[in-house]
Amino acid sequence: MIDTLPESLPAYESEPIPPVHIARMRVEDIEHVSRLERKCYSLPWSSSAYVTEVGNHSAYYSVAKDMDGIVVGYAGMWCVMAEMHITTIAVDPDRRGERFGERLLIDLLNYGYKHGATHGTLEVREHNRPARNMYLKYGFIDVAQRRHYYSDNGENAIIMWATDLYDPRFLARLRELKKQAGPIIVPPVDEQPRRWAWG
């Protein structure tokens, strides 16, 4: 897995990356998340599905908000024993290019690592090249294909895995990627205890 990561990371030369607030999803966030879900996906999850996931002790769902408190993205996964299974990462199409998706992925990896996950998996649309490139950048590799997995257009799903979240070289690369991804603001300790597992 480590060999799939680039030998060096290019400097980010565009405009300054805007800060983002990332916090655990709450019931009061679901209306905004569902609105964004319908904007992002042709087969959106229902609001009731998110209510169920927020109450699922094996799941972790988060929301990303800009400095004006507007929901710009969300993400989720299941974390069972040593495996984290990423179920969704979505960013408002009008706000893409601001690295919100990367920072949501960093937050998921941090949560999985701190809760004992040694490996991670996900499915992604075969033709969603930006998402696949992001996952490759963070150490996931293609391992299999599920043909005609998506019912809206029959598109194949690519199954990706990251196989050793505790490898010191992998963690060192994550620290470097996190520095480049832009500022992440998390809630105060008394609201949501959180420390970054790898800097």
Protein backbone atom coordinates (compact mmCIF):
# COMPACT_ATOMS: atom_id res chain seq x y z
CA MET A 1 0.00 0.00 0.00
CA ILE A 2 2.77 2.44 0.88
CA ASP A 3 4.26 2.11 -2.59
CA THR A 4 1.07 3.54 -4.12
CA LEU A 5 1.70 6.92 -2.49
CA PRO A 6 3.76 9.50 -4.36
CA GLU A 7 7.42 9.83 -3.47
CA SER A 8 6.94 13.56 -2.95
CA LEU A 9 3.92 15.78 -2.56
CA PRO A 10 3.59 18.87 -4.77
CA ALA A 11 3.26 22.22 -3.06
CA TYR A 12 -0.19 23.72 -3.13
CA GLU A 13 0.20 26.84 -5.23
CA SER A 14 -3.34 28.15 -5.59
CA GLU A 15 -5.23 30.59 -3.35
CA PRO A 16 -5.18 30.04 0.43
CA ILE A 17 -7.25 27.03 1.46
CA PRO A 18 -10.32 28.08 3.47
CA PRO A 19 -10.70 26.66 6.99
CA VAL A 20 -13.44 24.13 7.59
CA HIS A 21 -15.32 23.08 10.73
CA ILE A 22 -15.72 19.29 11.00
CA ALA A 23 -17.91 17.80 13.72
CA ARG A 24 -19.89 14.67 14.33
CA MET A 25 -23.22 14.72 12.53
CA ARG A 26 -26.24 15.47 14.71
CA VAL A 27 -29.94 15.05 14.09
CA GLU A 28 -30.30 18.80 13.54
CA ASP A 29 -27.79 18.56 10.66
CA ILE A 30 -29.76 15.97 8.73
CA GLU A 31 -32.10 18.39 6.94
CA HIS A 32 -29.09 20.21 5.47
CA VAL A 33 -27.27 16.96 4.72
CA SER A 34 -30.31 15.54 2.92
CA ARG A 35 -30.63 18.65 0.80
CA LEU A 36 -26.99 18.33 -0.20
CA GLU A 37 -27.39 14.58 -0.76
CA ARG A 38 -30.11 15.24 -3.34
CA LYS A 39 -27.84 17.77 -5.03
CA CYS A 40 -24.90 15.34 -5.22
CA TYR A 41 -26.47 11.98 -6.00
CA SER A 42 -29.01 10.54 -8.42
CA LEU A 43 -29.85 7.86 -5.82
CA PRO A 44 -29.92 9.85 -2.56
CA TRP A 45 -30.31 8.30 0.84
CA SER A 46 -33.47 9.25 2.71
CA SER A 47 -33.43 11.48 5.77
CA SER A 48 -34.57 8.52 7.86
CA ALA A 49 -31.48 6.58 6.77
CA TYR A 50 -29.28 9.31 8.23
CA VAL A 51 -31.31 9.37 11.43
CA THR A 52 -30.60 5.65 11.75
CA GLU A 53 -26.90 6.09 11.03
CA VAL A 54 -26.50 8.93 13.54
CA GLY A 55 -27.85 6.58 16.20
CA ASN A 56 -25.73 3.61 15.09
CA HIS A 57 -22.96 3.02 17.64
CA SER A 58 -20.82 1.31 14.98
CA ALA A 59 -21.06 4.29 12.64
CA TYR A 60 -19.34 7.65 12.50
CA TYR A 61 -20.82 10.45 10.38
CA SER A 62 -19.46 13.97 10.20
CA VAL A 63 -20.41 17.30 8.63
CA ALA A 64 -18.14 19.96 7.23
CA LYS A 65 -19.22 23.60 7.55
CA ASP A 66 -17.57 26.72 6.19
CA MET A 67 -16.86 29.77 8.34
CA ASP A 68 -20.43 30.98 7.79
CA GLY A 69 -21.84 27.75 9.23
CA ILE A 70 -23.05 26.46 5.84
CA VAL A 71 -22.84 22.69 5.32
CA VAL A 72 -20.42 22.15 2.44
CA GLY A 73 -19.91 18.40 2.79
CA TYR A 74 -20.39 15.31 4.89
CA ALA A 75 -18.91 11.86 5.27
CA GLY A 76 -19.59 8.59 6.99
CA MET A 77 -18.32 5.13 7.73
CA TRP A 78 -18.88 2.01 9.75
CA CYS A 79 -16.12 0.96 12.13
CA VAL A 80 -16.42 -2.67 13.24
CA MET A 81 -13.54 -4.36 15.03
CA ALA A 82 -10.42 -3.80 12.88
CA GLU A 83 -12.20 -2.59 9.73
CA MET A 84 -13.44 0.84 8.72
CA HIS A 85 -15.84 0.87 5.77
CA ILE A 86 -16.32 4.30 4.23
CA THR A 87 -19.92 4.62 3.06
CA THR A 88 -19.99 8.17 1.74
CA ILE A 89 -18.03 11.36 1.20
CA ALA A 90 -19.87 14.19 -0.51
CA VAL A 91 -19.05 17.84 -1.18
CA ASP A 92 -21.35 20.54 -2.51
CA PRO A 93 -20.68 20.67 -6.29
CA ASP A 94 -20.47 24.46 -6.05
CA ARG A 95 -17.69 24.21 -3.45
CA ARG A 96 -15.48 21.55 -4.97
CA GLY A 97 -11.81 22.36 -5.37
CA GLU A 98 -11.54 23.72 -1.81
CA ARG A 99 -10.24 20.40 -0.43
CA PHE A 100 -13.23 19.78 1.81
CA GLY A 101 -13.40 16.14 0.63
CA GLU A 102 -9.77 15.52 1.56
CA ARG A 103 -10.29 16.93 5.02
CA LEU A 104 -13.41 14.84 5.56
CA LEU A 105 -11.39 11.76 4.56
CA ILE A 106 -8.62 12.76 6.98
CA ASP A 107 -11.20 13.01 9.75
CA LEU A 108 -12.55 9.53 8.95
CA LEU A 109 -9.06 8.02 8.92
CA ASN A 110 -8.28 9.69 12.23
CA TYR A 111 -11.45 8.31 13.81
CA GLY A 112 -10.85 4.82 12.44
CA TYR A 113 -7.24 4.80 13.60
CA LYS A 114 -8.17 5.92 17.11
CA HIS A 115 -10.87 3.26 17.33
CA GLY A 116 -8.59 0.37 16.42
CA ALA A 117 -9.17 0.03 12.68
CA THR A 118 -6.10 -1.46 11.00
CA HIS A 119 -7.52 -1.38 7.47
CA GLY A 120 -10.17 0.42 5.48
CA THR A 121 -12.35 -0.22 2.47
CA LEU A 122 -14.84 1.55 0.22
CA GLU A 123 -16.67 1.34 -3.10
CA VAL A 124 -16.43 4.13 -5.67
CA ARG A 125 -17.91 4.59 -9.14
CA GLU A 126 -15.54 3.40 -11.84
CA HIS A 127 -15.74 6.70 -13.75
CA ASN A 128 -15.46 8.98 -10.72
CA ARG A 129 -11.82 9.73 -11.40
CA PRO A 130 -11.44 12.69 -8.96
CA ALA A 131 -12.65 10.55 -6.05
CA ARG A 132 -10.51 7.58 -7.06
CA ASN A 133 -7.44 9.80 -7.35
CA MET A 134 -8.09 11.20 -3.87
CA TYR A 135 -8.33 7.73 -2.36
CA LEU A 136 -5.18 6.63 -4.18
CA LYS A 137 -3.39 9.67 -2.80
CA TYR A 138 -4.33 8.58 0.71
CA GLY A 139 -3.09 5.02 0.29
CA PHE A 140 -6.13 3.11 -0.97
CA ILE A 141 -5.60 0.73 -3.89
CA ASP A 142 -7.96 -0.93 -6.37
CA VAL A 143 -8.52 -4.57 -5.46
CA ALA A 144 -11.71 -5.68 -7.22
CA GLN A 145 -14.68 -4.63 -9.31
CA ARG A 146 -18.41 -5.07 -8.75
CA ARG A 147 -20.03 -5.05 -12.17
CA HIS A 148 -23.22 -3.02 -12.68
CA TYR A 149 -23.25 -2.14 -8.98
CA TYR A 150 -25.05 1.21 -9.32
CA SER A 151 -28.69 0.79 -10.26
CA ASP A 152 -29.21 4.27 -11.75
CA ASN A 153 -26.91 3.68 -14.74
CA GLY A 154 -25.40 0.22 -14.29
CA GLU A 155 -21.95 1.64 -13.62
CA ASN A 156 -19.33 -0.63 -12.10
CA ALA A 157 -18.01 -0.10 -8.58
CA ILE A 158 -14.31 -0.27 -7.81
CA ILE A 159 -13.52 -1.78 -4.42
CA MET A 160 -10.53 -0.10 -2.79
CA TRP A 161 -8.57 -1.05 0.32
CA ALA A 162 -6.00 0.52 2.61
CA THR A 163 -4.35 -2.40 4.31
CA ASP A 164 -2.17 -1.13 7.16
CA LEU A 165 -3.29 2.08 8.85
CA TYR A 166 -0.68 1.58 11.60
CA ASP A 167 2.35 1.35 9.32
CA PRO A 168 4.75 4.12 10.47
CA ARG A 169 5.48 5.15 6.88
CA PHE A 170 1.77 5.43 6.13
CA LEU A 171 1.21 7.54 9.25
CA ALA A 172 4.13 9.80 8.34
CA ARG A 173 2.63 10.36 4.90
CA LEU A 174 -0.76 11.14 6.44
CA ARG A 175 0.83 13.75 8.66
CA GLU A 176 2.32 15.41 5.60
CA LEU A 177 -0.95 15.24 3.67
CA LYS A 178 -2.87 16.68 6.59
CA LYS A 179 -0.56 19.70 6.68
CA GLN A 180 -1.17 20.33 3.00
CA ALA A 181 -4.93 19.80 3.06
CA GLY A 182 -5.72 23.03 4.91
CA PRO A 183 -6.98 24.03 8.36
CA ILE A 184 -9.51 21.82 10.14
CA ILE A 185 -11.38 23.33 13.09
CA VAL A 186 -12.94 20.85 15.52
CA PRO A 187 -15.36 21.55 18.39
CA PRO A 188 -14.07 22.39 21.88
CA VAL A 189 -12.96 19.50 24.06
CA ASP A 190 -16.02 19.75 26.31
CA GLU A 191 -18.31 19.34 23.27
CA GLN A 192 -16.47 16.68 21.30
CA PRO A 193 -13.21 15.29 22.71
CA ARG A 194 -10.79 14.86 19.84
CA ARG A 195 -7.08 14.76 19.29
CA TRP A 196 -5.39 14.06 16.01
CA ALA A 197 -3.84 10.63 16.11
CA TRP A 198 -0.96 11.55 13.82
CA GLY A 199 -0.31 15.25 14.09
